[in-house]
Amino acid sequence: GKWGYGGAKSVEHLFWEAYVQKGCIITANGSGLLKRVTRLVKIRLVAEIFGIDHALYSRMQFLHDGRTVERKQVPLRKLVWTNSQDSDFKQCSEEFYAEECPHTENWKDGFKKTLEER
């Protein structure tokens, strides 16, 4: 889809997400088109209380512009892209999708931060 149309993120929001928040990268996909790569850690936490399973959900999402959206989703966090230069991301690489990506914070650290911030 096109950025900024039909509910898609605007170019300004993509810039903020990639260069301020460091929550994604913009790279080429091999056919000359741009591709946004985001790495997430999602947590499904279930506790049994008196024989009944209870799951932890995040009920509110805070958007970058200050708006809030009611949701029912498992806690999640975008992993921060670190120790890299823009030149490292010119072409999409298989290592971006590896469990242990050398370009992002470790998913275990992201897991801990997600639970601490809730």
Protein backbone atom coordinates (compact mmCIF):
# COMPACT_ATOMS: atom_id res chain seq x y z
CA GLY A 1 0.00 0.00 0.00
CA LYS A 2 0.88 3.66 -0.10
CA TRP A 3 2.22 5.37 2.99
CA GLY A 4 -0.19 7.92 4.42
CA TYR A 5 -3.28 6.65 2.55
CA GLY A 6 -6.20 4.55 3.74
CA GLY A 7 -5.11 4.55 7.39
CA ALA A 8 -1.47 3.69 6.60
CA LYS A 9 1.30 5.46 8.49
CA SER A 10 2.41 8.79 7.08
CA VAL A 11 5.96 9.33 5.83
CA GLU A 12 6.54 11.60 8.87
CA HIS A 13 5.44 8.83 11.23
CA LEU A 14 7.72 6.32 9.47
CA PHE A 15 10.64 8.74 9.85
CA TRP A 16 9.85 9.14 13.58
CA GLU A 17 9.57 5.36 14.05
CA ALA A 18 12.82 4.63 12.17
CA TYR A 19 15.11 7.47 13.25
CA VAL A 20 13.77 8.72 16.59
CA GLN A 21 12.22 5.62 18.17
CA LYS A 22 14.59 3.26 16.25
CA GLY A 23 11.72 0.76 16.10
CA CYS A 24 12.13 -0.19 12.44
CA ILE A 25 14.40 0.13 9.44
CA ILE A 26 13.57 1.03 5.84
CA THR A 27 15.43 -1.12 3.33
CA ALA A 28 15.21 -2.25 -0.29
CA ASN A 29 13.42 -5.54 -0.95
CA GLY A 30 15.46 -6.59 -3.99
CA SER A 31 12.98 -5.34 -6.60
CA GLY A 32 13.72 -1.68 -6.00
CA LEU A 33 10.78 -1.16 -3.63
CA LEU A 34 11.18 0.01 -0.05
CA LYS A 35 10.42 -2.41 2.78
CA ARG A 36 9.81 -1.59 6.45
CA VAL A 37 11.30 -4.18 8.82
CA THR A 38 10.12 -4.24 12.43
CA ARG A 39 11.10 -6.81 15.05
CA LEU A 40 8.60 -7.45 17.84
CA VAL A 41 8.60 -9.43 21.03
CA LYS A 42 5.11 -10.64 22.02
CA ILE A 43 4.39 -12.10 25.43
CA ARG A 44 1.66 -14.61 26.11
CA LEU A 45 1.51 -14.92 29.88
CA VAL A 46 -1.09 -17.24 31.41
CA ALA A 47 -1.60 -17.85 35.12
CA GLU A 48 -3.85 -20.52 36.54
CA ILE A 49 -5.87 -19.17 39.45
CA PHE A 50 -8.20 -21.60 41.24
CA GLY A 51 -8.20 -23.85 38.18
CA ILE A 52 -9.06 -21.08 35.70
CA ASP A 53 -6.53 -19.74 33.19
CA HIS A 54 -6.10 -15.96 33.17
CA ALA A 55 -4.12 -14.27 30.38
CA LEU A 56 -2.35 -10.92 30.60
CA TYR A 57 -3.58 -8.41 28.01
CA SER A 58 -2.72 -4.83 27.22
CA ARG A 59 -5.97 -2.86 27.09
CA MET A 60 -4.72 0.53 25.88
CA GLN A 61 -2.32 1.58 23.13
CA PHE A 62 -0.72 5.03 23.28
CA LEU A 63 -0.01 6.48 19.85
CA HIS A 64 2.92 8.75 18.99
CA ASP A 65 0.62 11.76 18.56
CA GLY A 66 -0.88 11.40 22.06
CA ARG A 67 -4.08 9.60 21.05
CA THR A 68 -5.08 6.36 22.74
CA VAL A 69 -6.76 3.29 21.28
CA GLU A 70 -8.55 0.61 23.28
CA ARG A 71 -7.25 -2.84 22.37
CA LYS A 72 -7.15 -6.32 23.75
CA GLN A 73 -3.76 -7.71 22.78
CA VAL A 74 -0.89 -9.48 24.42
CA PRO A 75 1.89 -7.17 25.65
CA LEU A 76 4.36 -6.46 22.88
CA ARG A 77 7.34 -4.24 22.16
CA LYS A 78 9.29 -3.21 19.11
CA LEU A 79 12.91 -4.20 19.51
CA VAL A 80 15.31 -1.27 19.13
CA TRP A 81 17.69 -1.31 16.16
CA THR A 82 21.21 -0.68 17.50
CA ASN A 83 24.88 -0.50 16.54
CA SER A 84 24.23 -0.08 12.87
CA GLN A 85 24.65 2.47 10.14
CA ASP A 86 22.19 3.20 7.34
CA SER A 87 24.63 1.54 4.92
CA ASP A 88 24.05 -1.79 6.76
CA PHE A 89 20.40 -1.72 5.67
CA LYS A 90 20.60 -0.93 1.94
CA GLN A 91 19.46 -4.46 1.05
CA CYS A 92 17.12 -6.70 3.00
CA SER A 93 19.07 -9.49 4.70
CA GLU A 94 18.09 -12.86 6.16
CA GLU A 95 19.82 -11.88 9.42
CA PHE A 96 17.04 -9.29 9.97
CA TYR A 97 14.67 -12.25 10.53
CA ALA A 98 16.96 -14.45 12.64
CA GLU A 99 16.01 -15.13 16.26
CA GLU A 100 19.27 -13.52 17.38
CA CYS A 101 19.51 -10.48 15.08
CA PRO A 102 22.86 -8.66 15.46
CA HIS A 103 21.23 -5.32 14.58
CA THR A 104 18.58 -5.16 17.33
CA GLU A 105 18.47 -5.34 21.08
CA ASN A 106 18.28 -8.93 22.32
CA TRP A 107 14.73 -10.25 22.46
CA LYS A 108 15.28 -11.39 26.06
CA ASP A 109 16.11 -7.81 27.08
CA GLY A 110 13.03 -6.60 25.18
CA PHE A 111 10.94 -9.21 27.02
CA LYS A 112 12.15 -7.94 30.43
CA LYS A 113 11.62 -4.27 29.51
CA THR A 114 8.10 -5.02 28.26
CA LEU A 115 7.08 -6.58 31.58
CA GLU A 116 8.81 -3.87 33.63
CA GLU A 117 6.98 -1.09 31.76
CA ARG A 118 3.54 -2.64 32.25
